[in-house]
PDB file of N, CA and C in Angstrom:
ATOM      1  N   UNK A   1       1.428  -3.707 -24.890  1.00  0.00           N
ATOM      2  CA  UNK A   1       2.693  -3.829 -25.527  1.00  0.00           C
ATOM      3  C   UNK A   1       3.664  -4.533 -24.487  1.00  0.00           C
ATOM      4  N   UNK A   2       3.469  -4.279 -23.252  1.00  0.00           N
ATOM      5  CA  UNK A   2       4.442  -4.833 -22.257  1.00  0.00           C
ATOM      6  C   UNK A   2       3.782  -5.641 -21.293  1.00  0.00           C
ATOM      7  N   UNK A   3       4.463  -6.605 -20.659  1.00  0.00           N
ATOM      8  CA  UNK A   3       3.850  -7.588 -19.638  1.00  0.00           C
ATOM      9  C   UNK A   3       4.542  -7.344 -18.358  1.00  0.00           C
ATOM     10  N   UNK A   4       5.452  -6.491 -18.266  1.00  0.00           N
ATOM     11  CA  UNK A   4       6.184  -6.282 -17.077  1.00  0.00           C
ATOM     12  C   UNK A   4       7.025  -5.051 -17.032  1.00  0.00           C
ATOM     13  N   UNK A   5       7.865  -4.874 -16.055  1.00  0.00           N
ATOM     14  CA  UNK A   5       8.839  -3.819 -16.144  1.00  0.00           C
ATOM     15  C   UNK A   5       9.656  -3.748 -17.325  1.00  0.00           C
ATOM     16  N   UNK A   6      10.163  -2.420 -17.590  1.00  0.00           N
ATOM     17  CA  UNK A   6      10.978  -2.344 -18.770  1.00  0.00           C
ATOM     18  C   UNK A   6      12.198  -1.550 -18.443  1.00  0.00           C
ATOM     19  N   UNK A   7      13.259  -1.728 -18.992  1.00  0.00           N
ATOM     20  CA  UNK A   7      14.464  -0.912 -18.914  1.00  0.00           C
ATOM     21  C   UNK A   7      14.703  -0.273 -20.390  1.00  0.00           C
ATOM     22  N   UNK A   8      14.803   1.058 -20.404  1.00  0.00           N
ATOM     23  CA  UNK A   8      15.058   1.784 -21.571  1.00  0.00           C
ATOM     24  C   UNK A   8      16.406   2.382 -21.514  1.00  0.00           C
ATOM     25  N   UNK A   9      17.075   2.155 -22.639  1.00  0.00           N
ATOM     26  CA  UNK A   9      18.526   2.710 -22.721  1.00  0.00           C
ATOM     27  C   UNK A   9      18.678   3.388 -24.013  1.00  0.00           C
ATOM     28  N   UNK A  10      19.804   4.179 -23.995  1.00  0.00           N
ATOM     29  CA  UNK A  10      20.241   4.668 -25.336  1.00  0.00           C
ATOM     30  C   UNK A  10      21.741   4.239 -25.485  1.00  0.00           C
ATOM     31  N   UNK A  11      22.071   3.612 -26.532  1.00  0.00           N
ATOM     32  CA  UNK A  11      23.447   3.075 -26.796  1.00  0.00           C
ATOM     33  C   UNK A  11      24.007   4.077 -27.977  1.00  0.00           C
ATOM     34  N   UNK A  12      25.214   4.404 -27.701  1.00  0.00           N
ATOM     35  CA  UNK A  12      25.887   5.338 -28.802  1.00  0.00           C
ATOM     36  C   UNK A  12      27.114   4.745 -29.125  1.00  0.00           C
ATOM     37  N   UNK A  13      27.489   4.940 -30.339  1.00  0.00           N
ATOM     38  CA  UNK A  13      28.798   4.412 -30.835  1.00  0.00           C
ATOM     39  C   UNK A  13      28.830   4.099 -32.341  1.00  0.00           C
ATOM     40  N   UNK A  14      29.998   3.752 -32.900  1.00  0.00           N
ATOM     41  CA  UNK A  14      30.094   3.316 -34.256  1.00  0.00           C
ATOM     42  C   UNK A  14      29.348   2.162 -34.446  1.00  0.00           C
ATOM     43  N   UNK A  15      28.427   2.373 -35.391  1.00  0.00           N
ATOM     44  CA  UNK A  15      27.571   1.088 -35.841  1.00  0.00           C
ATOM     45  C   UNK A  15      26.724   0.530 -34.744  1.00  0.00           C
ATOM     46  N   UNK A  16      26.270   1.435 -33.852  1.00  0.00           N
ATOM     47  CA  UNK A  16      25.587   0.982 -32.658  1.00  0.00           C
ATOM     48  C   UNK A  16      24.339   0.185 -32.942  1.00  0.00           C
ATOM     49  N   UNK A  17      23.547   0.638 -33.886  1.00  0.00           N
ATOM     50  CA  UNK A  17      22.296  -0.102 -34.154  1.00  0.00           C
ATOM     51  C   UNK A  17      22.674  -1.596 -34.742  1.00  0.00           C
ATOM     52  N   UNK A  18      23.585  -1.693 -35.656  1.00  0.00           N
ATOM     53  CA  UNK A  18      23.896  -2.995 -36.223  1.00  0.00           C
ATOM     54  C   UNK A  18      24.506  -3.853 -35.136  1.00  0.00           C
ATOM     55  N   UNK A  19      25.452  -3.326 -34.339  1.00  0.00           N
ATOM     56  CA  UNK A  19      26.030  -4.189 -33.302  1.00  0.00           C
ATOM     57  C   UNK A  19      25.078  -4.636 -32.236  1.00  0.00           C
ATOM     58  N   UNK A  20      24.102  -3.778 -31.847  1.00  0.00           N
ATOM     59  CA  UNK A  20      23.043  -4.222 -30.795  1.00  0.00           C
ATOM     60  C   UNK A  20      22.121  -5.285 -31.511  1.00  0.00           C
ATOM     61  N   UNK A  21      21.815  -4.991 -32.713  1.00  0.00           N
ATOM     62  CA  UNK A  21      21.019  -5.928 -33.386  1.00  0.00           C
ATOM     63  C   UNK A  21      21.670  -7.425 -33.346  1.00  0.00           C
ATOM     64  N   UNK A  22      22.926  -7.477 -33.458  1.00  0.00           N
ATOM     65  CA  UNK A  22      23.546  -8.704 -33.438  1.00  0.00           C
ATOM     66  C   UNK A  22      23.528  -9.338 -32.101  1.00  0.00           C
ATOM     67  N   UNK A  23      23.597  -8.533 -30.914  1.00  0.00           N
ATOM     68  CA  UNK A  23      23.421  -8.952 -29.613  1.00  0.00           C
ATOM     69  C   UNK A  23      22.046  -9.437 -29.343  1.00  0.00           C
ATOM     70  N   UNK A  24      21.095  -8.801 -29.987  1.00  0.00           N
ATOM     71  CA  UNK A  24      19.662  -9.200 -29.708  1.00  0.00           C
ATOM     72  C   UNK A  24      19.357 -10.568 -30.326  1.00  0.00           C
ATOM     73  N   UNK A  25      19.791 -10.692 -31.512  1.00  0.00           N
ATOM     74  CA  UNK A  25      19.470 -11.869 -32.284  1.00  0.00           C
ATOM     75  C   UNK A  25      18.328 -11.733 -33.141  1.00  0.00           C
ATOM     76  N   UNK A  26      18.063 -12.567 -34.024  1.00  0.00           N
ATOM     77  CA  UNK A  26      16.865 -12.651 -34.974  1.00  0.00           C
ATOM     78  C   UNK A  26      15.504 -12.383 -34.286  1.00  0.00           C
ATOM     79  N   UNK A  27      14.701 -11.629 -34.870  1.00  0.00           N
ATOM     80  CA  UNK A  27      13.336 -11.356 -34.253  1.00  0.00           C
ATOM     81  C   UNK A  27      12.700 -12.551 -33.825  1.00  0.00           C
ATOM     82  N   UNK A  28      12.717 -13.622 -34.602  1.00  0.00           N
ATOM     83  CA  UNK A  28      12.116 -14.936 -34.253  1.00  0.00           C
ATOM     84  C   UNK A  28      13.146 -15.639 -33.412  1.00  0.00           C
ATOM     85  N   UNK A  29      12.850 -15.950 -32.151  1.00  0.00           N
ATOM     86  CA  UNK A  29      13.884 -16.628 -31.270  1.00  0.00           C
ATOM     87  C   UNK A  29      14.239 -17.931 -31.830  1.00  0.00           C
ATOM     88  N   UNK A  30      13.312 -18.614 -32.472  1.00  0.00           N
ATOM     89  CA  UNK A  30      13.674 -19.996 -33.055  1.00  0.00           C
ATOM     90  C   UNK A  30      14.821 -19.831 -34.121  1.00  0.00           C
ATOM     91  N   UNK A  31      14.954 -18.707 -34.681  1.00  0.00           N
ATOM     92  CA  UNK A  31      15.990 -18.421 -35.683  1.00  0.00           C
ATOM     93  C   UNK A  31      17.232 -17.757 -35.193  1.00  0.00           C
ATOM     94  N   UNK A  32      17.129 -17.287 -33.929  1.00  0.00           N
ATOM     95  CA  UNK A  32      18.204 -16.494 -33.288  1.00  0.00           C
ATOM     96  C   UNK A  32      19.367 -17.400 -33.008  1.00  0.00           C
ATOM     97  N   UNK A  33      20.608 -16.791 -33.138  1.00  0.00           N
ATOM     98  CA  UNK A  33      21.793 -17.448 -32.839  1.00  0.00           C
ATOM     99  C   UNK A  33      21.941 -17.788 -31.295  1.00  0.00           C
ATOM    100  N   UNK A  34      22.546 -18.873 -30.829  1.00  0.00           N
ATOM    101  CA  UNK A  34      22.667 -19.222 -29.620  1.00  0.00           C
ATOM    102  C   UNK A  34      23.500 -18.098 -28.905  1.00  0.00           C
ATOM    103  N   UNK A  35      23.124 -17.769 -27.652  1.00  0.00           N
ATOM    104  CA  UNK A  35      23.740 -16.880 -26.831  1.00  0.00           C
ATOM    105  C   UNK A  35      23.219 -15.368 -27.080  1.00  0.00           C
ATOM    106  N   UNK A  36      22.256 -15.294 -28.006  1.00  0.00           N
ATOM    107  CA  UNK A  36      21.662 -13.935 -28.164  1.00  0.00           C
ATOM    108  C   UNK A  36      20.590 -13.689 -27.125  1.00  0.00           C
ATOM    109  N   UNK A  37      20.324 -12.481 -27.023  1.00  0.00           N
ATOM    110  CA  UNK A  37      19.189 -12.118 -25.989  1.00  0.00           C
ATOM    111  C   UNK A  37      17.877 -12.912 -26.333  1.00  0.00           C
ATOM    112  N   UNK A  38      17.563 -12.831 -27.570  1.00  0.00           N
ATOM    113  CA  UNK A  38      16.239 -13.397 -27.955  1.00  0.00           C
ATOM    114  C   UNK A  38      16.290 -14.900 -27.889  1.00  0.00           C
ATOM    115  N   UNK A  39      17.307 -15.616 -28.293  1.00  0.00           N
ATOM    116  CA  UNK A  39      17.407 -17.095 -28.219  1.00  0.00           C
ATOM    117  C   UNK A  39      17.399 -17.572 -26.747  1.00  0.00           C
ATOM    118  N   UNK A  40      18.022 -16.784 -25.935  1.00  0.00           N
ATOM    119  CA  UNK A  40      18.091 -17.186 -24.567  1.00  0.00           C
ATOM    120  C   UNK A  40      16.843 -16.862 -23.680  1.00  0.00           C
ATOM    121  N   UNK A  41      16.158 -15.710 -24.013  1.00  0.00           N
ATOM    122  CA  UNK A  41      14.981 -15.390 -23.067  1.00  0.00           C
ATOM    123  C   UNK A  41      13.615 -15.061 -23.796  1.00  0.00           C
ATOM    124  N   UNK A  42      13.605 -15.095 -25.123  1.00  0.00           N
ATOM    125  CA  UNK A  42      12.210 -14.834 -25.746  1.00  0.00           C
ATOM    126  C   UNK A  42      11.368 -16.170 -25.904  1.00  0.00           C
ATOM    127  N   UNK A  43      10.081 -16.072 -25.795  1.00  0.00           N
ATOM    128  CA  UNK A  43       9.212 -17.087 -25.888  1.00  0.00           C
ATOM    129  C   UNK A  43       8.769 -17.325 -27.369  1.00  0.00           C
ATOM    130  N   UNK A  44       8.513 -16.208 -27.986  1.00  0.00           N
ATOM    131  CA  UNK A  44       8.131 -16.187 -29.276  1.00  0.00           C
ATOM    132  C   UNK A  44       8.221 -14.767 -29.957  1.00  0.00           C
ATOM    133  N   UNK A  45       7.892 -14.691 -31.271  1.00  0.00           N
ATOM    134  CA  UNK A  45       7.945 -13.342 -31.912  1.00  0.00           C
ATOM    135  C   UNK A  45       7.095 -12.355 -31.057  1.00  0.00           C
ATOM    136  N   UNK A  46       6.010 -12.848 -30.685  1.00  0.00           N
ATOM    137  CA  UNK A  46       5.042 -11.865 -29.942  1.00  0.00           C
ATOM    138  C   UNK A  46       5.438 -11.638 -28.464  1.00  0.00           C
ATOM    139  N   UNK A  47       6.296 -12.467 -27.850  1.00  0.00           N
ATOM    140  CA  UNK A  47       6.758 -12.279 -26.502  1.00  0.00           C
ATOM    141  C   UNK A  47       8.319 -12.401 -26.657  1.00  0.00           C
ATOM    142  N   UNK A  48       8.738 -11.086 -26.998  1.00  0.00           N
ATOM    143  CA  UNK A  48      10.128 -10.918 -27.633  1.00  0.00           C
ATOM    144  C   UNK A  48      11.207 -10.594 -26.606  1.00  0.00           C
ATOM    145  N   UNK A  49      10.913  -9.998 -25.475  1.00  0.00           N
ATOM    146  CA  UNK A  49      11.867  -9.728 -24.323  1.00  0.00           C
ATOM    147  C   UNK A  49      12.803  -8.377 -24.728  1.00  0.00           C
ATOM    148  N   UNK A  50      12.986  -8.161 -25.856  1.00  0.00           N
ATOM    149  CA  UNK A  50      13.843  -7.050 -26.245  1.00  0.00           C
ATOM    150  C   UNK A  50      13.556  -6.346 -27.520  1.00  0.00           C
ATOM    151  N   UNK A  51      13.798  -5.009 -27.622  1.00  0.00           N
ATOM    152  CA  UNK A  51      13.517  -4.211 -28.724  1.00  0.00           C
ATOM    153  C   UNK A  51      14.775  -3.307 -29.077  1.00  0.00           C
ATOM    154  N   UNK A  52      14.993  -3.229 -30.250  1.00  0.00           N
ATOM    155  CA  UNK A  52      16.104  -2.380 -30.713  1.00  0.00           C
ATOM    156  C   UNK A  52      15.707  -1.717 -32.078  1.00  0.00           C
ATOM    157  N   UNK A  53      16.064  -0.465 -32.229  1.00  0.00           N
ATOM    158  CA  UNK A  53      15.797   0.104 -33.520  1.00  0.00           C
ATOM    159  C   UNK A  53      16.387  -0.504 -34.699  1.00  0.00           C
ATOM    160  N   UNK A  54      15.842  -0.371 -35.729  1.00  0.00           N
ATOM    161  CA  UNK A  54      16.266  -0.936 -36.959  1.00  0.00           C
ATOM    162  C   UNK A  54      17.017  -0.048 -37.925  1.00  0.00           C
ATOM    163  N   UNK A  55      17.201   1.237 -37.448  1.00  0.00           N
ATOM    164  CA  UNK A  55      17.900   2.284 -38.172  1.00  0.00           C
ATOM    165  C   UNK A  55      18.197   3.423 -37.256  1.00  0.00           C
ATOM    166  N   UNK A  56      19.260   4.286 -37.602  1.00  0.00           N
ATOM    167  CA  UNK A  56      19.591   5.397 -36.803  1.00  0.00           C
ATOM    168  C   UNK A  56      18.390   6.351 -36.866  1.00  0.00           C
ATOM    169  N   UNK A  57      17.688   6.556 -37.931  1.00  0.00           N
ATOM    170  CA  UNK A  57      16.513   7.363 -38.028  1.00  0.00           C
ATOM    171  C   UNK A  57      15.458   6.955 -37.051  1.00  0.00           C
ATOM    172  N   UNK A  58      15.059   5.776 -37.075  1.00  0.00           N
ATOM    173  CA  UNK A  58      14.147   5.140 -36.176  1.00  0.00           C
ATOM    174  C   UNK A  58      14.448   5.225 -34.743  1.00  0.00           C
ATOM    175  N   UNK A  59      15.749   5.135 -34.557  1.00  0.00           N
ATOM    176  CA  UNK A  59      16.283   5.249 -33.161  1.00  0.00           C
ATOM    177  C   UNK A  59      15.925   6.711 -32.615  1.00  0.00           C
ATOM    178  N   UNK A  60      16.204   7.655 -33.441  1.00  0.00           N
ATOM    179  CA  UNK A  60      15.912   9.084 -33.034  1.00  0.00           C
ATOM    180  C   UNK A  60      14.520   9.063 -32.537  1.00  0.00           C
ATOM    181  N   UNK A  61      13.596   8.733 -33.434  1.00  0.00           N
ATOM    182  CA  UNK A  61      12.178   8.806 -33.033  1.00  0.00           C
ATOM    183  C   UNK A  61      11.883   8.002 -31.782  1.00  0.00           C
ATOM    184  N   UNK A  62      12.299   6.784 -31.669  1.00  0.00           N
ATOM    185  CA  UNK A  62      11.975   5.952 -30.476  1.00  0.00           C
ATOM    186  C   UNK A  62      12.641   6.601 -29.265  1.00  0.00           C
ATOM    187  N   UNK A  63      13.881   7.066 -29.317  1.00  0.00           N
ATOM    188  CA  UNK A  63      14.552   7.748 -28.191  1.00  0.00           C
ATOM    189  C   UNK A  63      13.708   8.904 -27.705  1.00  0.00           C
ATOM    190  N   UNK A  64      13.231   9.702 -28.586  1.00  0.00           N
ATOM    191  CA  UNK A  64      12.298  10.927 -28.291  1.00  0.00           C
ATOM    192  C   UNK A  64      10.998  10.554 -27.487  1.00  0.00           C
ATOM    193  N   UNK A  65      10.584   9.374 -27.609  1.00  0.00           N
ATOM    194  CA  UNK A  65       9.383   8.866 -26.955  1.00  0.00           C
ATOM    195  C   UNK A  65       9.688   8.662 -25.368  1.00  0.00           C
ATOM    196  N   UNK A  66      10.959   8.532 -24.990  1.00  0.00           N
ATOM    197  CA  UNK A  66      11.293   8.348 -23.667  1.00  0.00           C
ATOM    198  C   UNK A  66      12.176   9.368 -22.986  1.00  0.00           C
ATOM    199  N   UNK A  67      12.990   9.994 -23.741  1.00  0.00           N
ATOM    200  CA  UNK A  67      13.987  10.847 -23.268  1.00  0.00           C
ATOM    201  C   UNK A  67      13.949  12.258 -23.971  1.00  0.00           C
ATOM    202  N   UNK A  68      14.279  13.270 -23.206  1.00  0.00           N
ATOM    203  CA  UNK A  68      14.710  14.617 -23.760  1.00  0.00           C
ATOM    204  C   UNK A  68      16.173  14.636 -24.031  1.00  0.00           C
ATOM    205  N   UNK A  69      16.574  15.468 -24.882  1.00  0.00           N
ATOM    206  CA  UNK A  69      18.047  15.623 -25.151  1.00  0.00           C
ATOM    207  C   UNK A  69      18.902  15.795 -23.891  1.00  0.00           C
ATOM    208  N   UNK A  70      18.328  16.606 -23.065  1.00  0.00           N
ATOM    209  CA  UNK A  70      19.126  16.831 -21.742  1.00  0.00           C
ATOM    210  C   UNK A  70      19.226  15.665 -20.870  1.00  0.00           C
ATOM    211  N   UNK A  71      18.429  14.572 -21.075  1.00  0.00           N
ATOM    212  CA  UNK A  71      18.490  13.386 -20.394  1.00  0.00           C
ATOM    213  C   UNK A  71      19.651  12.505 -20.756  1.00  0.00           C
ATOM    214  N   UNK A  72      20.241  12.778 -21.962  1.00  0.00           N
ATOM    215  CA  UNK A  72      21.197  11.833 -22.591  1.00  0.00           C
ATOM    216  C   UNK A  72      22.702  12.399 -22.263  1.00  0.00           C
ATOM    217  N   UNK A  73      23.568  11.653 -21.619  1.00  0.00           N
ATOM    218  CA  UNK A  73      24.883  12.051 -21.378  1.00  0.00           C
ATOM    219  C   UNK A  73      25.654  11.593 -22.602  1.00  0.00           C
ATOM    220  N   UNK A  74      26.507  12.510 -23.124  1.00  0.00           N
ATOM    221  CA  UNK A  74      27.194  12.056 -24.268  1.00  0.00           C
ATOM    222  C   UNK A  74      28.488  12.918 -24.528  1.00  0.00           C
TER     223      UNK A  74
END
């Protein structure tokens, strides 16, 4: 699933999922807006460079794979 080092982060805030998805860009980098992470750095849908949850519910499950509640400052 990965081909190199990863950075894992938790972002919090109003509409955090939607706002970060805008920064990431479309899953297909060929369709992503200029200046987004995927447009700038991704090779293809399969070599994507960035992942972000698609909902708050999925974010909770994905965060739990890497962090305990006590790990997150808030």
